[in-house]
Protein backbone atom coordinates (compact mmCIF):
# COMPACT_ATOMS: atom_id res chain seq x y z
CA MET A 1 111.98 48.78 141.33
CA ALA A 2 112.84 50.78 138.19
CA HIS A 3 112.64 54.02 140.10
CA THR A 4 114.91 52.60 142.80
CA MET A 5 117.37 51.35 140.26
CA MET A 6 117.64 54.72 138.51
CA ARG A 7 118.30 56.48 141.82
CA SER A 8 121.05 53.95 142.57
CA MET A 9 122.75 54.33 139.16
CA LYS A 10 122.94 58.08 139.40
CA SER A 11 125.27 57.54 142.34
CA GLY A 12 128.98 57.49 141.66
CA VAL A 13 129.36 54.72 144.26
CA ALA A 14 126.44 52.52 143.36
CA HIS A 15 128.50 49.39 143.79
CA THR A 16 129.41 49.91 147.47
CA ALA A 17 127.35 48.73 150.34
CA PRO A 18 126.10 51.51 152.65
CA ARG A 19 127.84 51.45 156.01
CA HIS A 20 124.59 50.73 157.82
CA ILE A 21 123.90 47.42 156.09
CA GLN A 22 127.32 45.84 156.38
CA LEU A 23 126.74 42.35 157.60
CA ASN A 24 128.30 41.39 160.97
CA PRO A 25 130.20 38.09 161.29
CA CYS A 26 127.99 35.22 162.43
CA LEU A 27 128.18 31.55 162.87
CA THR A 28 125.02 30.68 160.97
CA PRO A 29 122.98 32.62 158.40
CA ARG A 30 119.97 32.91 160.77
CA PRO A 31 120.72 36.42 162.15
CA ILE A 32 120.74 37.80 158.63
CA ILE A 33 117.34 36.45 157.45
CA GLN A 34 115.27 39.47 158.24
CA ARG A 35 117.73 41.84 156.60
CA CYS A 36 117.33 40.36 153.12
CA PRO A 37 114.06 41.99 152.13
CA ALA A 38 115.42 45.46 153.08
CA VAL A 39 118.69 45.36 151.22
CA ALA A 40 117.57 47.08 148.01
CA THR A 41 115.60 49.78 149.86
CA GLN A 42 118.35 50.63 152.32
CA SER A 43 121.02 50.67 149.65
CA THR A 44 119.22 53.23 147.46
CA SER A 45 118.26 55.48 150.37
CA THR A 46 121.91 56.07 151.03
CA SER A 47 123.07 56.22 147.45
CA THR A 48 120.96 59.35 146.73
CA THR A 49 123.25 61.44 148.89
CA SER A 50 126.32 60.62 146.72
CA THR A 51 127.79 62.76 143.95
CA SER A 52 125.70 62.56 140.82
CA VAL A 53 127.06 61.40 137.48
CA SER A 54 125.37 63.04 134.50
CA ALA A 55 124.06 60.19 132.30
CA ARG A 56 120.99 59.76 130.22
CA LEU A 57 119.66 56.34 131.30
CA PRO A 58 117.59 54.03 129.09
CA SER A 59 114.20 53.08 130.49
CA SER A 60 114.54 49.27 130.35
CA HIS A 61 115.98 47.37 133.23
CA LEU A 62 118.45 45.39 131.20
CA GLU A 63 119.88 48.34 129.28
CA SER A 64 120.19 50.50 132.41
CA SER A 65 121.91 47.65 134.26
CA VAL A 66 124.43 47.16 131.49
CA LYS A 67 125.16 50.84 131.25
CA ALA A 68 125.55 51.12 135.07
CA LEU A 69 128.02 48.20 134.92
CA GLU A 70 130.14 49.98 132.29
CA GLN A 71 130.09 53.23 134.38
CA LEU A 72 131.07 51.21 137.42
CA LYS A 73 134.12 49.72 135.67
CA ALA A 74 135.25 53.00 134.05
CA SER A 75 134.49 55.65 136.64
CA ALA A 76 136.89 54.63 139.47
CA VAL A 77 139.89 56.98 139.76
CA ASN A 78 141.10 55.48 143.01
CA ARG A 79 140.21 51.85 143.82
CA TYR A 80 140.53 52.47 147.57
CA ALA A 81 138.20 55.49 147.55
CA THR A 82 135.48 53.78 145.56
CA GLU A 83 135.93 50.12 146.63
CA THR A 84 135.88 48.58 143.16
CA LYS A 85 136.84 45.21 144.64
CA ASN A 86 134.04 42.77 143.80
CA SER A 87 132.00 40.97 146.48
CA ILE A 88 131.54 37.32 147.30
CA ILE A 89 127.85 36.76 148.09
CA ALA A 90 126.21 33.73 149.64
CA MET A 91 122.45 33.47 149.45
CA GLY A 92 119.98 30.62 149.95
CA LEU A 93 118.05 28.64 152.46
CA THR A 94 118.86 25.79 154.82
CA ILE A 95 117.13 23.32 157.12
CA HIS A 96 117.68 25.73 160.00
CA ASN A 97 115.30 28.33 158.61
CA ALA A 98 113.30 26.93 155.71
CA PRO A 99 110.84 24.03 155.63
CA VAL A 100 111.36 21.07 153.32
CA GLU A 101 108.27 22.12 151.29
CA LEU A 102 110.19 25.24 150.16
CA ARG A 103 113.62 23.66 149.92
CA GLU A 104 112.45 21.04 147.49
CA LYS A 105 111.04 23.73 145.14
CA LEU A 106 114.47 25.40 144.91
CA ALA A 107 116.52 22.16 144.79
CA VAL A 108 118.77 21.92 141.74
CA PRO A 109 119.91 18.37 140.66
CA GLU A 110 123.66 17.97 140.24
CA ALA A 111 123.27 17.49 136.49
CA GLU A 112 121.75 20.99 136.33
CA TRP A 113 124.45 22.80 138.23
CA PRO A 114 126.42 23.85 135.11
CA ARG A 115 123.26 25.25 133.53
CA ALA A 116 122.38 27.18 136.73
CA ILE A 117 125.93 28.60 136.86
CA GLU A 118 125.70 29.71 133.24
CA GLU A 119 122.32 31.35 133.79
CA LEU A 120 123.54 33.23 136.88
CA CYS A 121 126.64 34.48 135.09
CA SER A 122 124.49 35.77 132.21
CA TYR A 123 123.27 38.58 134.52
CA PRO A 124 125.30 41.72 133.96
CA HIS A 125 126.72 42.08 137.50
CA ILE A 126 127.54 38.44 138.33
CA GLU A 127 131.03 37.29 137.24
CA GLU A 128 131.27 33.86 138.92
CA ALA A 129 128.74 31.39 140.43
CA ALA A 130 128.53 28.05 142.25
CA VAL A 131 125.56 25.90 143.32
CA LEU A 132 125.45 23.81 146.52
CA SER A 133 122.11 21.91 146.58
CA THR A 134 121.61 19.02 149.07
CA CYS A 135 118.74 17.62 151.15
CA ASN A 136 119.43 20.18 153.88
CA ARG A 137 120.30 23.30 151.95
CA MET A 138 120.23 25.10 148.65
CA GLU A 139 122.94 27.75 148.52
CA LEU A 140 124.33 30.00 145.79
CA TYR A 141 127.76 31.53 145.89
CA VAL A 142 128.50 34.34 143.44
CA VAL A 143 131.26 36.94 142.79
CA ALA A 144 129.46 40.16 141.94
CA VAL A 145 130.92 43.39 140.61
CA SER A 146 128.19 45.29 142.30
CA TRP A 147 127.01 44.29 145.75
CA HIS A 148 123.31 45.27 145.84
CA ARG A 149 122.72 44.69 142.10
CA GLY A 150 124.27 41.25 142.42
CA VAL A 151 121.89 40.46 145.28
CA ARG A 152 118.89 41.58 143.25
CA GLU A 153 119.94 39.41 140.32
CA VAL A 154 120.44 36.30 142.52
CA GLU A 155 117.00 36.90 144.05
CA GLU A 156 115.52 37.20 140.60
CA TRP A 157 117.08 33.94 139.46
CA LEU A 158 115.95 32.08 142.63
CA SER A 159 112.36 33.22 142.11
CA LYS A 160 112.39 32.55 138.38
CA SER A 161 113.91 29.07 138.59
CA SER A 162 111.69 27.88 141.46
CA GLY A 163 108.47 29.60 140.52
CA VAL A 164 108.10 30.93 144.07
CA PRO A 165 107.20 34.67 144.21
CA LEU A 166 110.00 36.76 145.67
CA ASP A 167 107.87 38.17 148.54
CA GLU A 168 107.16 34.56 149.67
CA LEU A 169 110.76 33.51 149.29
CA ARG A 170 112.55 36.45 151.00
CA PRO A 171 111.49 35.70 154.64
CA TYR A 172 113.36 32.37 154.45
CA LEU A 173 116.52 33.49 152.60
CA PHE A 174 119.86 34.07 154.30
CA LEU A 175 122.29 36.71 152.90
CA LEU A 176 125.96 36.90 153.62
CA ARG A 177 128.74 38.98 152.14
CA ASP A 178 132.56 38.56 151.82
CA ARG A 179 134.00 37.46 155.23
CA ASP A 180 130.60 36.27 156.45
CA ALA A 181 130.02 34.32 153.18
CA THR A 182 133.40 32.71 153.12
CA HIS A 183 133.19 31.84 156.78
CA HIS A 184 129.78 30.27 156.25
CA LEU A 185 131.09 27.94 153.48
CA LEU A 186 134.02 26.87 155.64
CA ARG A 187 131.59 26.01 158.47
CA VAL A 188 129.38 24.16 156.02
CA SER A 189 132.36 22.09 154.70
CA GLY A 190 133.49 21.40 158.20
CA GLY A 191 130.10 20.03 159.18
CA LEU A 192 129.43 22.75 161.79
CA ASP A 193 126.29 24.07 159.98
CA SER A 194 124.83 20.56 159.40
CA LEU A 195 121.73 19.15 161.08
CA VAL A 196 123.96 16.36 162.32
CA MET A 197 127.02 18.19 163.47
CA GLY A 198 130.23 16.84 161.93
CA GLU A 199 128.53 14.73 159.30
CA GLY A 200 130.87 13.67 156.52
CA GLN A 201 128.58 13.69 153.50
CA ILE A 202 128.51 17.50 153.19
CA LEU A 203 132.25 17.55 152.64
CA ALA A 204 131.79 15.12 149.75
CA GLN A 205 129.12 17.34 148.34
CA VAL A 206 131.41 20.42 148.59
CA LYS A 207 134.05 18.46 146.72
CA GLN A 208 131.50 17.67 144.09
CA VAL A 209 130.68 21.36 143.65
CA TYR A 210 134.35 21.96 143.03
CA LYS A 211 134.60 19.07 140.60
CA VAL A 212 131.56 20.06 138.63
CA GLY A 213 132.81 23.70 138.58
CA GLN A 214 136.01 22.68 136.73
CA ASN A 215 133.90 22.06 133.60
CA ALA A 216 131.38 24.86 134.07
CA ASN A 217 131.63 28.25 132.49
CA GLY A 218 131.39 30.76 135.27
CA PHE A 219 133.10 28.88 138.11
CA GLY A 220 135.98 31.30 138.05
CA ARG A 221 139.23 31.95 139.82
CA GLN A 222 137.89 33.32 143.11
CA LEU A 223 135.30 30.60 143.72
CA ASN A 224 137.78 28.02 142.62
CA GLY A 225 140.14 29.24 145.36
CA LEU A 226 137.32 29.47 147.94
CA PHE A 227 136.02 25.93 147.40
CA LYS A 228 139.55 24.55 147.42
CA GLN A 229 140.04 26.29 150.84
CA ALA A 230 136.74 24.93 152.03
CA ILE A 231 137.73 21.39 151.15
CA THR A 232 141.02 21.81 153.01
CA ALA A 233 139.16 23.26 156.00
CA GLY A 234 136.67 20.37 156.05
CA LYS A 235 139.46 17.81 156.03
CA ARG A 236 141.32 19.55 158.80
CA VAL A 237 138.22 19.74 161.04
CA ARG A 238 137.58 16.01 160.76
CA SER A 239 141.23 14.96 161.12
CA GLU A 240 142.25 17.33 163.89
CA THR A 241 139.11 17.31 166.06
CA SER A 242 136.71 14.62 167.37
CA ILE A 243 133.65 16.24 165.77
CA SER A 244 133.07 13.30 163.38
CA THR A 245 132.89 10.56 166.02
CA GLY A 246 129.70 8.62 166.40
CA SER A 247 126.61 8.97 164.20
CA VAL A 248 127.48 11.76 161.84
CA SER A 249 125.18 11.73 158.84
CA VAL A 250 121.57 12.30 157.84
CA SER A 251 121.28 8.56 157.10
CA SER A 252 122.52 7.61 160.58
CA ALA A 253 120.06 10.04 162.14
CA ALA A 254 117.29 8.54 160.00
CA VAL A 255 118.14 5.02 161.27
CA GLU A 256 118.20 6.26 164.89
CA LEU A 257 114.84 8.06 164.48
CA ALA A 258 113.16 4.97 162.96
CA GLN A 259 114.50 2.75 165.76
CA LEU A 260 113.39 5.31 168.33
CA LYS A 261 109.85 5.17 166.94
CA LEU A 262 109.63 1.35 166.93
CA PRO A 263 107.74 0.20 170.08
CA SER A 264 110.42 -2.37 170.92
CA HIS A 265 113.34 -0.27 169.58
CA ASN A 266 114.54 -3.53 168.03
CA TRP A 267 115.20 -3.97 164.33
CA ALA A 268 114.64 -7.77 164.65
CA ASP A 269 110.89 -6.94 164.87
CA ALA A 270 110.74 -4.94 161.65
CA LYS A 271 110.95 -5.67 157.93
CA VAL A 272 112.94 -2.90 156.29
CA CYS A 273 112.79 -1.60 152.71
CA ILE A 274 115.15 1.03 151.14
CA ILE A 275 114.18 2.90 147.96
CA GLY A 276 117.34 3.79 146.05
CA ALA A 277 120.91 2.44 145.94
CA GLY A 278 123.00 5.56 145.99
CA LYS A 279 125.25 7.18 148.61
CA MET A 280 122.44 7.83 151.07
CA SER A 281 121.26 4.24 150.80
CA THR A 282 124.79 2.96 151.30
CA LEU A 283 124.97 4.85 154.59
CA LEU A 284 121.55 3.58 155.56
CA VAL A 285 122.62 0.00 155.10
CA LYS A 286 125.86 0.66 157.01
CA HIS A 287 124.02 2.16 160.05
CA LEU A 288 121.22 -0.45 159.96
CA LEU A 289 123.83 -3.19 160.09
CA SER A 290 125.53 -1.52 163.01
CA LYS A 291 122.18 -1.32 164.91
CA GLY A 292 121.42 -5.05 164.52
CA CYS A 293 119.38 -5.07 161.33
CA ASN A 294 120.68 -7.89 159.09
CA GLN A 295 118.03 -8.14 156.33
CA VAL A 296 116.70 -5.43 153.95
CA THR A 297 114.90 -5.08 150.67
CA ILE A 298 116.56 -2.80 148.17
CA LEU A 299 114.49 -1.18 145.40
CA ASN A 300 116.28 0.60 142.55
CA ARG A 301 115.73 1.51 138.89
CA SER A 302 118.58 -0.72 137.71
CA LEU A 303 120.25 -3.87 138.95
CA PRO A 304 124.00 -3.08 138.70
CA ARG A 305 124.00 -0.36 141.34
CA ALA A 306 121.92 -2.48 143.76
CA GLN A 307 124.19 -5.43 143.16
CA ALA A 308 127.24 -3.30 143.89
CA LEU A 309 125.63 -2.33 147.16
CA GLN A 310 125.04 -5.97 147.97
CA GLU A 311 128.72 -6.81 147.29
CA GLU A 312 129.82 -4.01 149.59
CA PHE A 313 127.86 -5.41 152.55
CA PRO A 314 128.14 -9.20 152.41
CA ASP A 315 126.93 -9.51 155.98
CA MET A 316 123.54 -7.91 155.10
CA ALA A 317 121.01 -10.19 153.55
CA MET A 318 119.50 -8.13 150.63
CA ASP A 319 116.42 -8.84 148.57
CA ILE A 320 117.00 -6.78 145.42
CA ARG A 321 113.93 -5.62 143.51
CA LEU A 322 113.25 -3.24 140.64
CA MET A 323 110.86 -0.27 140.83
CA PRO A 324 107.83 -2.11 139.29
CA ASP A 325 107.73 -4.10 142.54
CA LEU A 326 107.55 -0.93 144.67
CA MET A 327 103.99 -1.27 145.95
CA GLN A 328 104.38 -4.97 146.78
CA CYS A 329 107.57 -4.28 148.79
CA VAL A 330 105.86 -1.40 150.62
CA GLN A 331 102.96 -3.62 151.55
CA ASP A 332 105.39 -6.28 152.93
CA SER A 333 107.50 -3.77 154.95
CA ASP A 334 107.22 -2.18 158.40
CA VAL A 335 109.84 0.60 157.84
CA VAL A 336 110.40 2.14 154.41
CA PHE A 337 113.37 4.49 153.84
CA ALA A 338 113.23 6.73 150.75
CA ALA A 339 116.60 7.90 149.51
CA SER A 340 116.29 7.99 145.77
CA GLY A 341 117.13 10.71 143.23
CA SER A 342 113.57 10.87 141.90
CA GLU A 343 112.18 14.39 141.56
CA GLU A 344 108.57 13.11 141.86
CA LEU A 345 106.49 11.51 144.54
CA LEU A 346 106.81 7.69 144.42
CA ILE A 347 104.29 6.76 147.11
CA HIS A 348 100.92 8.53 147.48
CA ALA A 349 98.32 8.22 150.25
CA GLU A 350 95.90 6.39 148.05
CA ASP A 351 98.58 3.78 147.25
CA ILE A 352 98.56 2.42 150.78
CA VAL A 353 94.99 3.10 151.96
CA ASN A 354 93.94 -0.47 151.25
CA MET A 355 97.10 -2.19 152.32
CA PRO A 356 96.73 -4.58 155.31
CA ARG A 357 97.60 -3.41 158.80
CA ARG A 358 101.05 -4.28 160.11
CA SER A 359 101.74 -6.46 163.15
CA ASP A 360 101.35 -5.28 166.74
CA ALA A 361 105.12 -5.71 167.22
CA VAL A 362 105.61 -2.55 165.20
CA GLY A 363 102.49 -0.76 166.47
CA GLY A 364 100.24 -1.81 163.58
CA VAL A 365 101.51 0.93 161.27
CA ARG A 366 104.09 1.41 158.48
CA ARG A 367 106.67 4.00 159.12
CA PHE A 368 108.09 5.96 156.16
CA VAL A 369 111.38 7.87 156.61
CA ASP A 370 111.81 10.18 153.60
CA ILE A 371 115.34 11.66 153.42
CA SER A 372 115.00 12.65 149.81
CA VAL A 373 114.81 16.30 148.65
CA PRO A 374 112.54 16.66 146.63
CA ARG A 375 110.51 14.26 148.71
CA ASN A 376 109.51 10.83 147.43
CA ILE A 377 106.66 10.04 149.81
CA ALA A 378 103.46 12.09 150.10
CA PRO A 379 103.38 13.96 153.37
CA ASN A 380 99.59 13.58 153.81
CA ILE A 381 99.79 9.91 154.79
CA CYS A 382 98.48 9.52 158.38
CA ALA A 383 98.19 6.71 160.82
CA GLU A 384 94.37 7.03 161.36
CA GLN A 385 93.39 6.85 157.65
CA HIS A 386 96.13 4.95 155.94
CA ALA A 387 97.98 2.97 158.69
CA GLY A 388 101.19 4.87 158.01
CA ILE A 389 103.37 7.59 159.59
CA VAL A 390 105.71 9.74 157.48
CA TYR A 391 108.93 11.39 158.75
CA ASN A 392 111.12 13.71 156.59
CA VAL A 393 114.54 15.29 157.05
CA ASP A 394 113.08 18.08 159.15
CA ASP A 395 111.96 15.51 161.75
CA LEU A 396 115.49 14.32 162.30
CA LYS A 397 116.09 17.31 164.65
CA GLU A 398 114.54 15.24 167.39
CA VAL A 399 117.55 12.86 167.44
CA VAL A 400 120.40 15.38 166.85
CA VAL A 401 120.04 17.71 169.84
CA ALA A 402 122.07 15.44 172.06
CA ASN A 403 124.53 14.97 169.21
CA LYS A 404 125.23 18.73 169.09
CA GLU A 405 125.65 19.02 172.83
CA ALA A 406 128.20 16.14 172.80
CA ARG A 407 130.17 17.73 170.02
CA ALA A 408 130.17 21.36 171.45
CA ALA A 409 133.84 21.18 172.59
CA ALA A 410 134.94 19.72 169.25
CA ALA A 411 133.03 22.48 167.46
CA ALA A 412 134.85 25.14 169.41
CA GLU A 413 138.19 23.59 168.34
CA ALA A 414 136.93 23.49 164.79
CA GLU A 415 136.13 27.21 164.80
CA VAL A 416 139.74 27.96 165.62
CA LEU A 417 140.89 25.94 162.63
CA LEU A 418 138.35 27.62 160.33
CA LYS A 419 139.60 31.09 161.32
CA GLU A 420 143.06 29.99 160.22
CA GLU A 421 141.77 28.72 156.92
CA GLN A 422 139.68 31.87 156.33
CA ARG A 423 142.73 34.06 157.05
CA SER A 424 144.64 32.05 154.41
CA PHE A 425 141.87 32.43 151.83
CA GLU A 426 141.52 36.16 152.37
CA ALA A 427 145.29 36.61 152.09
CA TRP A 428 145.25 34.76 148.76
CA ARG A 429 142.28 36.74 147.51
CA ASP A 430 143.92 40.04 148.50
CA SER A 431 147.04 39.00 146.65
CA LEU A 432 145.00 38.92 143.44
CA GLU A 433 144.55 42.72 143.68
CA THR A 434 148.17 43.30 142.65
CA VAL A 435 147.73 41.72 139.20
CA PRO A 436 146.07 44.75 137.51
CA THR A 437 148.73 47.04 139.05
CA ILE A 438 151.59 44.83 137.76
CA LYS A 439 150.09 44.91 134.26
CA ALA A 440 149.46 48.64 134.40
CA LEU A 441 152.98 49.42 135.64
CA ARG A 442 154.52 47.24 132.90
CA ALA A 443 152.30 48.86 130.28
CA LYS A 444 153.28 52.38 131.38
CA ALA A 445 156.95 51.62 131.44
CA GLU A 446 156.77 49.96 127.98
CA ALA A 447 154.91 52.97 126.56
CA ILE A 448 157.56 55.34 127.84
CA ARG A 449 160.37 53.12 126.64
CA ALA A 450 158.89 52.72 123.11
CA ALA A 451 158.28 56.47 122.81
CA GLU A 452 161.82 57.34 123.87
CA PHE A 453 163.29 54.68 121.57
CA GLU A 454 161.42 56.19 118.60
CA LYS A 455 162.76 59.66 119.49
CA ALA A 456 166.31 58.35 119.70
CA LEU A 457 166.02 56.71 116.28
CA SER A 458 164.74 59.91 114.64
CA ARG A 459 167.69 61.83 116.07
CA LEU A 460 170.28 59.28 115.02
CA GLY A 461 169.06 59.38 111.44
CA GLU A 462 168.80 56.57 108.88
CA GLY A 463 172.49 55.68 108.93
CA MET A 464 172.07 52.99 111.64
CA SER A 465 172.25 49.31 110.69
CA LYS A 466 169.55 46.84 111.82
CA LYS A 467 172.10 45.39 114.25
CA GLN A 468 172.76 48.73 115.80
CA MET A 469 168.98 49.52 116.03
CA LYS A 470 168.41 46.19 117.76
CA ALA A 471 171.23 46.78 120.20
CA VAL A 472 169.76 50.21 121.14
CA GLU A 473 166.30 48.66 121.59
CA GLU A 474 167.65 45.80 123.76
CA LEU A 475 169.52 48.47 125.78
CA SER A 476 166.27 50.30 126.47
CA LYS A 477 164.42 47.09 127.43
CA GLY A 478 167.24 46.06 129.71
CA ILE A 479 167.24 49.38 131.59
CA VAL A 480 163.43 49.29 132.03
CA ASN A 481 163.51 45.66 133.21
CA LYS A 482 166.20 46.39 135.79
CA LEU A 483 164.36 49.50 137.07
CA LEU A 484 161.09 47.53 137.35
CA HIS A 485 162.65 44.57 139.13
CA GLY A 486 162.34 46.17 142.61
CA PRO A 487 158.74 47.38 142.24
CA MET A 488 157.62 44.09 140.65
CA THR A 489 159.19 42.08 143.46
CA ALA A 490 157.39 44.29 145.98
CA LEU A 491 154.08 43.53 144.23
CA ARG A 492 154.47 39.75 144.03
CA CYS A 493 153.02 37.61 146.86
CA ASP A 494 151.83 34.00 146.95
CA GLY A 495 149.08 34.83 149.46
CA THR A 496 150.16 32.35 152.14
CA ASP A 497 151.31 34.93 154.63
CA PRO A 498 148.58 37.45 155.56
CA ASP A 499 151.13 39.94 157.00
CA ALA A 500 153.17 39.79 153.75
CA VAL A 501 149.99 40.37 151.79
CA GLY A 502 149.22 43.50 153.86
CA GLN A 503 152.63 44.88 153.08
CA THR A 504 152.25 44.05 149.35
CA LEU A 505 148.89 45.88 149.20
CA ALA A 506 150.51 48.90 150.86
CA ASN A 507 153.27 48.82 148.21
CA MET A 508 150.64 48.59 145.56
CA GLU A 509 148.76 51.63 146.80
CA ALA A 510 152.02 53.61 146.91
CA LEU A 511 153.04 52.63 143.39
CA GLU A 512 149.63 53.49 142.02
CA ARG A 513 149.88 56.96 143.51
CA MET A 514 153.48 57.53 142.37
CA PHE A 515 152.94 56.35 138.82
CA GLU A 516 149.25 57.54 138.57
CA LEU A 517 148.21 54.08 137.43
CA SER A 518 144.59 54.24 138.45
CA GLN A 519 144.12 57.38 136.34
CA MET A 520 145.85 55.69 133.42
CA GLN A 521 143.56 52.71 133.73
CA ALA A 522 140.45 54.93 133.90
CA THR A 523 141.58 56.85 130.76
CA ALA A 524 142.20 53.62 128.88
CA ALA A 525 138.78 52.26 129.83
CA ALA A 526 137.09 55.48 128.70
CA ALA A 527 138.98 55.28 125.35
CA ARG A 528 137.72 51.77 124.74
CA LYS A 529 134.04 52.86 125.04
C-alpha cells in the first residue's frame, strides 16, 4: 500500500478519479459492489502517467498523506483543469447485499454518531462526515478533498471500528461518488431503497442524522445541505405519490411474517410478547392491533416508557413487565418479537432448551422474530432441539416481494420527483464554488486600491489634513465598489435555478481568467507554507 500511495502522490492530479473508474448512475448500490476492491489499484495505475512533481516524501503513511494534501491544495493553477472540487462519497452496506451477521458488527448506535463523525474527520483527506446506521443499513457519507485517498480512509475506519479485516469486508461494500452518492441518499430517504418499499421509519432516521449532525464537529455545510434536501425529497415522495399506502415498515412486515407462519394465521391463537418499548415496538403494537391481536406482554428496562406505550394504545391489553421477568415471559409466549436497543444477545439457545412445548394451535413451537440490529436472539435456536424458530430482518424479504410489485408505479413517479430534488441540490452545491472567487476578486481589488492610495498620499506630501486623507480613501473605496458591483452580481446565485447556476459558473471561469485569480490563490497558498 505504501508503494501505491507514493506512486499516487507523485502525480500532479492525485486527487482526480481516472476516467475508467467513474461510477455510472444507478438506482441501488449493488452494481458498484465488485468495483470497490479495485479502486486503489486502478487509480494508481493511471496516475503514474501524469506529470511528476518533484518532492521528497516521508516514509510514514501519515506524514506522506498530510504532505500530499498540502500539495493538492496548493498546486492547482486552474481549478477546471485539475478538478479541485471535493467529492461526496457514500460507502457502506445494506440488507440488499450484506447479511445481518456482518451488518451488526458495523452498526453504530445513535449515541456514538458524533464520535464516529469526529474520528472520520480526523483523517487528512476527509472534511465532513455523516453516519446513517439502522437495522437494514450502515452507510457513511463523507466529503473528501481527494477521491481515492478519501475512499481508502473510510475503508480503514470501517475495518478498524468493526474489527472486520478489510479483505473480508470489501466484497459486501457499496461505493458511490457525487451524483450517484447523492441520488442514493435521496432514494433511501424516499423509501425506494428500503426492504419494505415506501416505509416511513427511514425518513425519521434520516431526520435524526441531520439533527445529530447539528451538534457534531464534522457535519459541515455540504452534508448539511444534502441531508436537508434528502428530508425534503422524502416528504415529497410520501405526500405526492401512493408509495406509502399499506404496510410500510419493518415492524409491519415482521407482524405479517409471524402471522404467515402461524398454522391458523390467527392472532387469537397466540400469546405475544414484545421485548422493548421504543419506536419499533410502537409500530409492532400498532400493526398487531390492526391484524386482530388485542393482548400483548411488553418487556422493557424501565416502566415509564412502557406505560407511555400503554397510554398510546388503550384498545390493546398490555401486561407490562421488567427485564428480570424475561425468561418467564418467553416461556409463557408463542410469538416473541425482539425490538430493543440492546447490543448483546438477550435470549440464548440454552435458555429455552428446557422450556415446555407450546400448544398444537401454534404448531408446538415458539416463534422468535428478531428485528434488532445487533440481534437480541441467538440464531442457533432450532425447532428440533429447542422447540423454537428464529426469524431476523433478512427473513422479511419473504413478505415484501408482493409489496414491491404493488408499488412499482408509485416508485416510478417517485424517481421523477427525486431527479428534481437532486438537480436542486447540485445547483446549490455548484453555487458554493463562487465563494472563493468572490473573496479572491475582492482581495485583489483591495490590494490594488490600497497600493494606489499609498502612492497618491506620497505624491501629495504631508500637507493633507486627516479629513482630506479620509475623503481620498473613501473616494478610492467608492470607485472600487462601483466597479466590482457588476462582477459580484454576476457571481451571486442562490442555487435554486440550475440554469442560472450554470451561467454563474461560466461567469466565474471568465473572471478567474481575466483577473488571474487562480494564479493569485496558488501564490498566496505557497507563501503560507
